[in-house]
Amino acid sequence: MHVIEIMKAVILGIVEGLTEFAPVSSTGHMIIVDDMWLKTQDFLGSSSANTFKIVIQLGSILAVVVVMWKRLLSLIGLYHIEGQTKHHKFNLLHVIVGIIPAGVFGLLLESYIDENLFSIKTVIIGLFIGAIFMMIADKFAWKKPRVTSLDDLTYVQAFQVGLIQCLSLWPGFSRSGSTISGGVLLGLDYRTAADFTFIMAVPIMAGASGVSLLKHYKDINPDDIGFYIVGFISAFIFALLSIKFFLKLISKIKLMPFAIYRIVLAIILTIIVFF
C-alpha cells in the first residue's frame, strides 16, 4: 500500500469519525471529500469503495461503545448506574421502542432511497432543511426541560424521538441532527437527547452496517486489507474524540452553530456542483 493510499484512508477515517455523530451529515462530507476529491472508487472500484465506507463506519460505532459502555452494559443488566431504581430506570425497551420506527421505514423504503435519493441534490436539500429544523429546536427548546437524565425518559418520548429519527432516512438530514432536535422539542435537555441518540445509533448502525458488509464482503480485495484497517482505526480514534468533545459542549453551544455550518456547507456544495 502506497503512502498516498494510506493518507487517503486516514483522511476518510477522520471525516467519518468527526461527522458521523455530530449533527452535520457524514453523507454530505463524504460526497465532498471522497466522491469529489479523493475518489477511492478509482483505485478500489465502486463496490469496494462503498464497502470501505461501511467498514470505517463500524469504527465509529466502536467508539460509541467505548464512550457509553456503562449505559450499554446496564441495558442488559451487567452494570448498575448509580441512582437508578426499578421504577425509574432507562432500559433496553426504551432503545427498542426508539429504533422501531426508523427500522421499519428503513426496510420498507431501502430500495427507493438507494435508487432515488442518494444524489448531491438531495443531500443539499437535506443539509438545508435539517439546519432549519435544528434552528427551530433551539428557538423552541424548553426553558425547563422535563427530562434531564435518560432515567427520566418515558417509553412514549422514546417512541416519539424514534419517529422523528425517520427524517434522517433522507440523505443529508443527519441522524443525530434529527433526534437531538426532536428530543429537545419534546422536552429533553440537550445532553440527554444526545446520549439517547448515540445509544440508539449502536444497534441501528451496527445492524445496517453488518447486513451491508455480509452482502458485499466479497468485494474486498485482500490487497486492500491494509487500507481498510487504517481507515477503521482512524475513524475509531476521531469518532472517540468527537463524541467526548460533543457531549461536553452540546449543552453550552446547543445546535445553532451546527445549523449555520450545515447551511454554509449546502451553499458550497451547490456552488461546486451547479455553477
C-alpha atoms as a PDB file:
ATOM      1  CA  MET A   1       0.000   0.000   0.000  1.00  0.00           C
ATOM      2  CA  HIS A   2       1.449   3.335  -1.097  1.00  0.00           C
ATOM      3  CA  VAL A   3       1.827   6.340   1.203  1.00  0.00           C
ATOM      4  CA  ILE A   4      -0.772   8.280  -0.776  1.00  0.00           C
ATOM      5  CA  GLU A   5      -3.298   5.474  -0.239  1.00  0.00           C
ATOM      6  CA  ILE A   6      -2.529   5.416   3.493  1.00  0.00           C
ATOM      7  CA  MET A   7      -3.154   9.153   3.647  1.00  0.00           C
ATOM      8  CA  LYS A   8      -6.465   8.761   1.808  1.00  0.00           C
ATOM      9  CA  ALA A   9      -7.567   6.060   4.268  1.00  0.00           C
ATOM     10  CA  VAL A  10      -6.603   8.264   7.227  1.00  0.00           C
ATOM     11  CA  ILE A  11      -8.399  11.316   5.799  1.00  0.00           C
ATOM     12  CA  LEU A  12     -11.603   9.382   5.115  1.00  0.00           C
ATOM     13  CA  GLY A  13     -11.440   7.853   8.591  1.00  0.00           C
ATOM     14  CA  ILE A  14     -11.079  11.329  10.083  1.00  0.00           C
ATOM     15  CA  VAL A  15     -14.052  12.642   8.106  1.00  0.00           C
ATOM     16  CA  GLU A  16     -16.202   9.666   9.106  1.00  0.00           C
ATOM     17  CA  GLY A  17     -15.163   9.848  12.753  1.00  0.00           C
ATOM     18  CA  LEU A  18     -15.707  13.595  13.103  1.00  0.00           C
ATOM     19  CA  THR A  19     -19.022  13.800  11.255  1.00  0.00           C
ATOM     20  CA  GLU A  20     -20.903  10.560  11.951  1.00  0.00           C
ATOM     21  CA  PHE A  21     -22.290  11.652  15.311  1.00  0.00           C
ATOM     22  CA  ALA A  22     -22.131  15.424  15.024  1.00  0.00           C
ATOM     23  CA  PRO A  23     -25.358  16.893  13.542  1.00  0.00           C
ATOM     24  CA  VAL A  24     -23.669  17.910  10.284  1.00  0.00           C
ATOM     25  CA  SER A  25     -24.323  14.908   7.968  1.00  0.00           C
ATOM     26  CA  SER A  26     -21.487  12.471   7.363  1.00  0.00           C
ATOM     27  CA  THR A  27     -23.057  11.712   3.951  1.00  0.00           C
ATOM     28  CA  GLY A  28     -22.596  15.287   2.765  1.00  0.00           C
ATOM     29  CA  HIS A  29     -18.994  15.345   3.906  1.00  0.00           C
ATOM     30  CA  MET A  30     -18.191  12.003   2.285  1.00  0.00           C
ATOM     31  CA  ILE A  31     -19.545  13.295  -1.022  1.00  0.00           C
ATOM     32  CA  ILE A  32     -17.231  16.303  -0.854  1.00  0.00           C
ATOM     33  CA  VAL A  33     -14.133  14.503   0.417  1.00  0.00           C
ATOM     34  CA  ASP A  34     -14.362  11.170  -1.377  1.00  0.00           C
ATOM     35  CA  ASP A  35     -16.690  11.386  -4.376  1.00  0.00           C
ATOM     36  CA  MET A  36     -15.407  14.815  -5.423  1.00  0.00           C
ATOM     37  CA  TRP A  37     -11.815  14.815  -4.198  1.00  0.00           C
ATOM     38  CA  LEU A  38     -10.099  11.581  -3.162  1.00  0.00           C
ATOM     39  CA  LYS A  39     -12.194   9.314  -5.407  1.00  0.00           C
ATOM     40  CA  THR A  40     -11.288   5.994  -3.803  1.00  0.00           C
ATOM     41  CA  GLN A  41     -13.579   4.278  -6.299  1.00  0.00           C
ATOM     42  CA  ASP A  42     -10.934   4.924  -8.953  1.00  0.00           C
ATOM     43  CA  PHE A  43      -8.464   2.508  -7.355  1.00  0.00           C
ATOM     44  CA  LEU A  44     -10.705   0.352  -5.137  1.00  0.00           C
ATOM     45  CA  GLY A  45     -13.577   0.016  -7.566  1.00  0.00           C
ATOM     46  CA  SER A  46     -17.082   1.305  -6.926  1.00  0.00           C
ATOM     47  CA  SER A  47     -18.322  -1.697  -4.895  1.00  0.00           C
ATOM     48  CA  SER A  48     -15.161  -1.950  -2.791  1.00  0.00           C
ATOM     49  CA  ALA A  49     -15.184   1.813  -2.095  1.00  0.00           C
ATOM     50  CA  ASN A  50     -18.724   1.525  -0.737  1.00  0.00           C
ATOM     51  CA  THR A  51     -17.702  -1.468   1.383  1.00  0.00           C
ATOM     52  CA  PHE A  52     -14.804   0.563   2.764  1.00  0.00           C
ATOM     53  CA  LYS A  53     -17.252   3.220   3.954  1.00  0.00           C
ATOM     54  CA  ILE A  54     -19.220   0.505   5.761  1.00  0.00           C
ATOM     55  CA  VAL A  55     -16.062  -0.775   7.470  1.00  0.00           C
ATOM     56  CA  ILE A  56     -14.953   2.629   8.747  1.00  0.00           C
ATOM     57  CA  GLN A  57     -18.488   3.274   9.972  1.00  0.00           C
ATOM     58  CA  LEU A  58     -18.020   0.249  12.238  1.00  0.00           C
ATOM     59  CA  GLY A  59     -15.005   2.054  13.693  1.00  0.00           C
ATOM     60  CA  SER A  60     -17.274   4.948  14.655  1.00  0.00           C
ATOM     61  CA  ILE A  61     -19.758   2.544  16.249  1.00  0.00           C
ATOM     62  CA  LEU A  62     -16.986   1.002  18.330  1.00  0.00           C
ATOM     63  CA  ALA A  63     -16.149   4.494  19.615  1.00  0.00           C
ATOM     64  CA  VAL A  64     -19.721   4.894  20.910  1.00  0.00           C
ATOM     65  CA  VAL A  65     -19.445   1.540  22.683  1.00  0.00           C
ATOM     66  CA  VAL A  66     -16.229   2.669  24.379  1.00  0.00           C
ATOM     67  CA  VAL A  67     -17.708   6.019  25.500  1.00  0.00           C
ATOM     68  CA  MET A  68     -21.132   4.701  26.540  1.00  0.00           C
ATOM     69  CA  TRP A  69     -20.079   1.274  27.856  1.00  0.00           C
ATOM     70  CA  LYS A  70     -21.642   1.726  31.289  1.00  0.00           C
ATOM     71  CA  ARG A  71     -25.042   2.618  29.882  1.00  0.00           C
ATOM     72  CA  LEU A  72     -24.860  -0.139  27.278  1.00  0.00           C
ATOM     73  CA  LEU A  73     -23.962  -2.784  29.862  1.00  0.00           C
ATOM     74  CA  SER A  74     -26.727  -1.520  32.158  1.00  0.00           C
ATOM     75  CA  LEU A  75     -29.233  -2.205  29.382  1.00  0.00           C
ATOM     76  CA  ILE A  76     -28.518  -5.928  29.633  1.00  0.00           C
ATOM     77  CA  GLY A  77     -28.197  -5.995  33.419  1.00  0.00           C
ATOM     78  CA  LEU A  78     -24.407  -6.198  33.633  1.00  0.00           C
ATOM     79  CA  TYR A  79     -23.834  -2.808  35.246  1.00  0.00           C
ATOM     80  CA  HIS A  80     -25.773  -0.702  37.743  1.00  0.00           C
ATOM     81  CA  ILE A  81     -25.996   3.037  37.171  1.00  0.00           C
ATOM     82  CA  GLU A  82     -25.907   4.925  40.469  1.00  0.00           C
ATOM     83  CA  GLY A  83     -29.285   6.424  41.344  1.00  0.00           C
ATOM     84  CA  GLN A  84     -31.341   4.038  39.231  1.00  0.00           C
ATOM     85  CA  THR A  85     -34.371   2.301  40.732  1.00  0.00           C
ATOM     86  CA  LYS A  86     -36.637  -0.397  39.338  1.00  0.00           C
ATOM     87  CA  HIS A  87     -39.344   2.153  38.619  1.00  0.00           C
ATOM     88  CA  HIS A  88     -37.023   4.898  37.416  1.00  0.00           C
ATOM     89  CA  LYS A  89     -34.620   3.306  35.003  1.00  0.00           C
ATOM     90  CA  PHE A  90     -33.532   3.657  31.392  1.00  0.00           C
ATOM     91  CA  ASN A  91     -33.634   0.158  29.909  1.00  0.00           C
ATOM     92  CA  LEU A  92     -33.455  -1.875  26.736  1.00  0.00           C
ATOM     93  CA  LEU A  93     -37.139  -1.362  25.961  1.00  0.00           C
ATOM     94  CA  HIS A  94     -36.546   2.393  25.591  1.00  0.00           C
ATOM     95  CA  VAL A  95     -33.965   1.644  22.897  1.00  0.00           C
ATOM     96  CA  ILE A  96     -36.154  -0.911  21.126  1.00  0.00           C
ATOM     97  CA  VAL A  97     -39.121   1.465  21.107  1.00  0.00           C
ATOM     98  CA  GLY A  98     -36.857   4.241  19.816  1.00  0.00           C
ATOM     99  CA  ILE A  99     -35.360   2.291  16.897  1.00  0.00           C
ATOM    100  CA  ILE A 100     -38.527   0.562  15.667  1.00  0.00           C
ATOM    101  CA  PRO A 101     -39.889   3.467  13.536  1.00  0.00           C
ATOM    102  CA  ALA A 102     -36.685   4.097  11.588  1.00  0.00           C
ATOM    103  CA  GLY A 103     -36.062   0.371  11.336  1.00  0.00           C
ATOM    104  CA  VAL A 104     -39.488  -0.324   9.836  1.00  0.00           C
ATOM    105  CA  PHE A 105     -39.479   2.638   7.450  1.00  0.00           C
ATOM    106  CA  GLY A 106     -35.850   1.960   6.556  1.00  0.00           C
ATOM    107  CA  LEU A 107     -36.643  -1.599   5.471  1.00  0.00           C
ATOM    108  CA  LEU A 108     -39.744  -0.539   3.551  1.00  0.00           C
ATOM    109  CA  LEU A 109     -38.039   2.345   1.766  1.00  0.00           C
ATOM    110  CA  GLU A 110     -34.489   0.974   1.418  1.00  0.00           C
ATOM    111  CA  SER A 111     -34.672   0.270  -2.315  1.00  0.00           C
ATOM    112  CA  TYR A 112     -36.399   3.559  -3.105  1.00  0.00           C
ATOM    113  CA  ILE A 113     -33.877   5.552  -1.051  1.00  0.00           C
ATOM    114  CA  ASP A 114     -30.876   3.815  -2.630  1.00  0.00           C
ATOM    115  CA  GLU A 115     -32.221   4.245  -6.162  1.00  0.00           C
ATOM    116  CA  ASN A 116     -33.658   7.753  -5.938  1.00  0.00           C
ATOM    117  CA  LEU A 117     -32.313   9.777  -3.019  1.00  0.00           C
ATOM    118  CA  PHE A 118     -28.555   9.271  -2.972  1.00  0.00           C
ATOM    119  CA  SER A 119     -27.574  12.267  -5.063  1.00  0.00           C
ATOM    120  CA  ILE A 120     -25.795  15.524  -4.366  1.00  0.00           C
ATOM    121  CA  LYS A 121     -29.036  17.445  -4.948  1.00  0.00           C
ATOM    122  CA  THR A 122     -30.965  15.511  -2.289  1.00  0.00           C
ATOM    123  CA  VAL A 123     -28.068  15.822   0.170  1.00  0.00           C
ATOM    124  CA  ILE A 124     -28.031  19.608  -0.304  1.00  0.00           C
ATOM    125  CA  ILE A 125     -31.780  19.698   0.380  1.00  0.00           C
ATOM    126  CA  GLY A 126     -31.290  17.504   3.469  1.00  0.00           C
ATOM    127  CA  LEU A 127     -28.498  19.721   4.782  1.00  0.00           C
ATOM    128  CA  PHE A 128     -30.568  22.874   4.405  1.00  0.00           C
ATOM    129  CA  ILE A 129     -33.911  21.594   5.733  1.00  0.00           C
ATOM    130  CA  GLY A 130     -32.143  19.785   8.581  1.00  0.00           C
ATOM    131  CA  ALA A 131     -30.458  23.061   9.528  1.00  0.00           C
ATOM    132  CA  ILE A 132     -33.814  24.844   9.643  1.00  0.00           C
ATOM    133  CA  PHE A 133     -35.216  22.076  11.852  1.00  0.00           C
ATOM    134  CA  MET A 134     -32.266  22.455  14.235  1.00  0.00           C
ATOM    135  CA  MET A 135     -32.789  26.219  14.414  1.00  0.00           C
ATOM    136  CA  ILE A 136     -36.457  25.656  15.244  1.00  0.00           C
ATOM    137  CA  ALA A 137     -35.444  23.229  18.007  1.00  0.00           C
ATOM    138  CA  ASP A 138     -33.082  25.806  19.507  1.00  0.00           C
ATOM    139  CA  LYS A 139     -35.748  28.505  19.282  1.00  0.00           C
ATOM    140  CA  PHE A 140     -38.477  26.479  20.955  1.00  0.00           C
ATOM    141  CA  ALA A 141     -36.376  24.403  23.355  1.00  0.00           C
ATOM    142  CA  TRP A 142     -37.959  24.089  26.790  1.00  0.00           C
ATOM    143  CA  LYS A 143     -36.502  26.570  29.277  1.00  0.00           C
ATOM    144  CA  LYS A 144     -37.022  23.954  31.980  1.00  0.00           C
ATOM    145  CA  PRO A 145     -36.670  20.547  30.292  1.00  0.00           C
ATOM    146  CA  ARG A 146     -38.849  17.765  31.687  1.00  0.00           C
ATOM    147  CA  VAL A 147     -36.184  15.125  31.022  1.00  0.00           C
ATOM    148  CA  THR A 148     -32.687  15.834  32.380  1.00  0.00           C
ATOM    149  CA  SER A 149     -31.486  12.241  32.539  1.00  0.00           C
ATOM    150  CA  LEU A 150     -32.026   9.098  30.478  1.00  0.00           C
ATOM    151  CA  ASP A 151     -33.653   7.601  33.572  1.00  0.00           C
ATOM    152  CA  ASP A 152     -36.431  10.212  33.308  1.00  0.00           C
ATOM    153  CA  LEU A 153     -37.230   9.244  29.708  1.00  0.00           C
ATOM    154  CA  THR A 154     -40.656   7.661  29.133  1.00  0.00           C
ATOM    155  CA  TYR A 155     -41.424   4.995  26.532  1.00  0.00           C
ATOM    156  CA  VAL A 156     -43.766   7.411  24.756  1.00  0.00           C
ATOM    157  CA  GLN A 157     -40.996  10.011  24.468  1.00  0.00           C
ATOM    158  CA  ALA A 158     -38.561   7.351  23.242  1.00  0.00           C
ATOM    159  CA  PHE A 159     -41.034   6.351  20.525  1.00  0.00           C
ATOM    160  CA  GLN A 160     -41.659   9.979  19.566  1.00  0.00           C
ATOM    161  CA  VAL A 161     -37.920  10.614  19.194  1.00  0.00           C
ATOM    162  CA  GLY A 162     -37.763   7.427  17.113  1.00  0.00           C
ATOM    163  CA  LEU A 163     -40.475   8.727  14.801  1.00  0.00           C
ATOM    164  CA  ILE A 164     -38.601  11.993  14.317  1.00  0.00           C
ATOM    165  CA  GLN A 165     -35.447   9.991  13.595  1.00  0.00           C
ATOM    166  CA  CYS A 166     -37.163   8.770  10.407  1.00  0.00           C
ATOM    167  CA  LEU A 167     -36.349  12.189   8.921  1.00  0.00           C
ATOM    168  CA  SER A 168     -32.722  11.045   8.770  1.00  0.00           C
ATOM    169  CA  LEU A 169     -33.630   8.469   6.129  1.00  0.00           C
ATOM    170  CA  TRP A 170     -33.370  11.425   3.746  1.00  0.00           C
ATOM    171  CA  PRO A 171     -29.626  11.632   2.920  1.00  0.00           C
ATOM    172  CA  GLY A 172     -28.025  14.744   4.364  1.00  0.00           C
ATOM    173  CA  PHE A 173     -30.618  15.307   7.085  1.00  0.00           C
ATOM    174  CA  SER A 174     -28.409  13.674   9.766  1.00  0.00           C
ATOM    175  CA  ARG A 175     -29.434  11.071  12.317  1.00  0.00           C
ATOM    176  CA  SER A 176     -28.086  12.989  15.288  1.00  0.00           C
ATOM    177  CA  GLY A 177     -29.433  16.270  13.943  1.00  0.00           C
ATOM    178  CA  SER A 178     -32.966  14.905  13.708  1.00  0.00           C
ATOM    179  CA  THR A 179     -33.000  13.006  17.004  1.00  0.00           C
ATOM    180  CA  ILE A 180     -31.340  15.664  19.157  1.00  0.00           C
ATOM    181  CA  SER A 181     -33.599  18.363  17.686  1.00  0.00           C
ATOM    182  CA  GLY A 182     -36.656  16.173  18.150  1.00  0.00           C
ATOM    183  CA  GLY A 183     -35.676  15.299  21.687  1.00  0.00           C
ATOM    184  CA  VAL A 184     -35.196  18.937  22.629  1.00  0.00           C
ATOM    185  CA  LEU A 185     -38.607  19.847  21.200  1.00  0.00           C
ATOM    186  CA  LEU A 186     -40.161  17.013  23.213  1.00  0.00           C
ATOM    187  CA  GLY A 187     -38.720  18.299  26.499  1.00  0.00           C
ATOM    188  CA  LEU A 188     -35.346  16.554  26.781  1.00  0.00           C
ATOM    189  CA  ASP A 189     -32.303  18.610  27.665  1.00  0.00           C
ATOM    190  CA  TYR A 190     -29.525  18.691  25.063  1.00  0.00           C
ATOM    191  CA  ARG A 191     -27.202  16.243  26.819  1.00  0.00           C
ATOM    192  CA  THR A 192     -29.926  13.665  27.408  1.00  0.00           C
ATOM    193  CA  ALA A 193     -31.095  13.932  23.792  1.00  0.00           C
ATOM    194  CA  ALA A 194     -27.500  13.411  22.635  1.00  0.00           C
ATOM    195  CA  ASP A 195     -26.986  10.438  24.960  1.00  0.00           C
ATOM    196  CA  PHE A 196     -30.156   8.769  23.675  1.00  0.00           C
ATOM    197  CA  THR A 197     -29.128   9.486  20.082  1.00  0.00           C
ATOM    198  CA  PHE A 198     -25.742   7.831  20.487  1.00  0.00           C
ATOM    199  CA  ILE A 199     -27.123   4.782  22.289  1.00  0.00           C
ATOM    200  CA  MET A 200     -29.797   4.252  19.620  1.00  0.00           C
ATOM    201  CA  ALA A 201     -27.110   4.580  16.951  1.00  0.00           C
ATOM    202  CA  VAL A 202     -25.300   1.438  18.125  1.00  0.00           C
ATOM    203  CA  PRO A 203     -27.936  -1.177  17.183  1.00  0.00           C
ATOM    204  CA  ILE A 204     -29.153   0.797  14.153  1.00  0.00           C
ATOM    205  CA  MET A 205     -25.727   1.389  12.619  1.00  0.00           C
ATOM    206  CA  ALA A 206     -24.273  -1.954  13.685  1.00  0.00           C
ATOM    207  CA  GLY A 207     -27.251  -3.786  12.192  1.00  0.00           C
ATOM    208  CA  ALA A 208     -27.289  -1.827   8.938  1.00  0.00           C
ATOM    209  CA  SER A 209     -23.501  -1.964   8.543  1.00  0.00           C
ATOM    210  CA  GLY A 210     -23.380  -5.652   9.441  1.00  0.00           C
ATOM    211  CA  VAL A 211     -26.031  -6.579   6.871  1.00  0.00           C
ATOM    212  CA  SER A 212     -24.332  -4.483   4.186  1.00  0.00           C
ATOM    213  CA  LEU A 213     -20.953  -5.991   4.992  1.00  0.00           C
ATOM    214  CA  LEU A 214     -22.334  -9.528   4.731  1.00  0.00           C
ATOM    215  CA  LYS A 215     -23.748  -8.668   1.329  1.00  0.00           C
ATOM    216  CA  HIS A 216     -20.607  -7.035  -0.005  1.00  0.00           C
ATOM    217  CA  TYR A 217     -17.652  -8.589   1.839  1.00  0.00           C
ATOM    218  CA  LYS A 218     -16.659 -10.404  -1.366  1.00  0.00           C
ATOM    219  CA  ASP A 219     -15.891  -7.002  -2.881  1.00  0.00           C
ATOM    220  CA  ILE A 220     -12.929  -6.621  -0.521  1.00  0.00           C
ATOM    221  CA  ASN A 221      -9.662  -7.262  -2.313  1.00  0.00           C
ATOM    222  CA  PRO A 222      -7.091  -8.935   0.005  1.00  0.00           C
ATOM    223  CA  ASP A 223      -4.508  -6.449  -1.277  1.00  0.00           C
ATOM    224  CA  ASP A 224      -6.619  -3.614   0.119  1.00  0.00           C
ATOM    225  CA  ILE A 225      -6.978  -5.009   3.665  1.00  0.00           C
ATOM    226  CA  GLY A 226      -4.372  -2.550   4.977  1.00  0.00           C
ATOM    227  CA  PHE A 227      -6.385   0.341   3.522  1.00  0.00           C
ATOM    228  CA  TYR A 228      -9.486  -0.861   5.366  1.00  0.00           C
ATOM    229  CA  ILE A 229      -7.632  -1.326   8.656  1.00  0.00           C
ATOM    230  CA  VAL A 230      -6.076   2.154   8.532  1.00  0.00           C
ATOM    231  CA  GLY A 231      -9.458   3.730   7.781  1.00  0.00           C
ATOM    232  CA  PHE A 232     -11.159   1.760  10.555  1.00  0.00           C
ATOM    233  CA  ILE A 233      -8.575   2.791  13.172  1.00  0.00           C
ATOM    234  CA  SER A 234      -8.641   6.415  12.013  1.00  0.00           C
ATOM    235  CA  ALA A 235     -12.462   6.528  12.192  1.00  0.00           C
ATOM    236  CA  PHE A 236     -12.443   4.946  15.659  1.00  0.00           C
ATOM    237  CA  ILE A 237      -9.910   7.399  17.111  1.00  0.00           C
ATOM    238  CA  PHE A 238     -11.513  10.527  15.716  1.00  0.00           C
ATOM    239  CA  ALA A 239     -15.058   9.394  16.500  1.00  0.00           C
ATOM    240  CA  LEU A 240     -13.914   8.799  20.082  1.00  0.00           C
ATOM    241  CA  LEU A 241     -12.529  12.329  20.317  1.00  0.00           C
ATOM    242  CA  SER A 242     -15.541  13.818  18.537  1.00  0.00           C
ATOM    243  CA  ILE A 243     -18.125  12.140  20.779  1.00  0.00           C
ATOM    244  CA  LYS A 244     -16.397  13.125  24.017  1.00  0.00           C
ATOM    245  CA  PHE A 245     -15.935  16.702  22.814  1.00  0.00           C
ATOM    246  CA  PHE A 246     -19.520  16.944  21.546  1.00  0.00           C
ATOM    247  CA  LEU A 247     -21.084  15.613  24.767  1.00  0.00           C
ATOM    248  CA  LYS A 248     -19.159  18.149  26.832  1.00  0.00           C
ATOM    249  CA  LEU A 249     -20.145  21.080  24.632  1.00  0.00           C
ATOM    250  CA  ILE A 250     -23.678  20.394  23.414  1.00  0.00           C
ATOM    251  CA  SER A 251     -25.415  21.856  26.480  1.00  0.00           C
ATOM    252  CA  LYS A 252     -23.388  25.066  26.124  1.00  0.00           C
ATOM    253  CA  ILE A 253     -23.340  25.717  22.391  1.00  0.00           C
ATOM    254  CA  LYS A 254     -26.616  23.925  21.527  1.00  0.00           C
ATOM    255  CA  LEU A 255     -27.497  23.355  17.851  1.00  0.00           C
ATOM    256  CA  MET A 256     -27.255  26.783  16.200  1.00  0.00           C
ATOM    257  CA  PRO A 257     -23.514  26.642  15.304  1.00  0.00           C
ATOM    258  CA  PHE A 258     -24.023  23.275  13.616  1.00  0.00           C
ATOM    259  CA  ALA A 259     -27.090  24.577  11.757  1.00  0.00           C
ATOM    260  CA  ILE A 260     -25.131  27.550  10.405  1.00  0.00           C
ATOM    261  CA  TYR A 261     -22.279  25.257   9.377  1.00  0.00           C
ATOM    262  CA  ARG A 262     -24.740  23.000   7.507  1.00  0.00           C
ATOM    263  CA  ILE A 263     -26.160  25.942   5.564  1.00  0.00           C
ATOM    264  CA  VAL A 264     -22.647  27.075   4.607  1.00  0.00           C
ATOM    265  CA  LEU A 265     -21.822  23.512   3.524  1.00  0.00           C
ATOM    266  CA  ALA A 266     -25.016  23.316   1.452  1.00  0.00           C
ATOM    267  CA  ILE A 267     -24.119  26.595  -0.282  1.00  0.00           C
ATOM    268  CA  ILE A 268     -20.574  25.385  -1.025  1.00  0.00           C
ATOM    269  CA  LEU A 269     -21.909  22.113  -2.453  1.00  0.00           C
ATOM    270  CA  THR A 270     -24.421  23.999  -4.578  1.00  0.00           C
ATOM    271  CA  ILE A 271     -21.715  26.291  -5.997  1.00  0.00           C
ATOM    272  CA  ILE A 272     -19.337  23.380  -6.705  1.00  0.00           C
ATOM    273  CA  VAL A 273     -21.935  21.208  -8.381  1.00  0.00           C
ATOM    274  CA  PHE A 274     -24.251  23.595 -10.218  1.00  0.00           C
ATOM    275  CA  PHE A 275     -22.112  26.631 -11.111  1.00  0.00           C
END
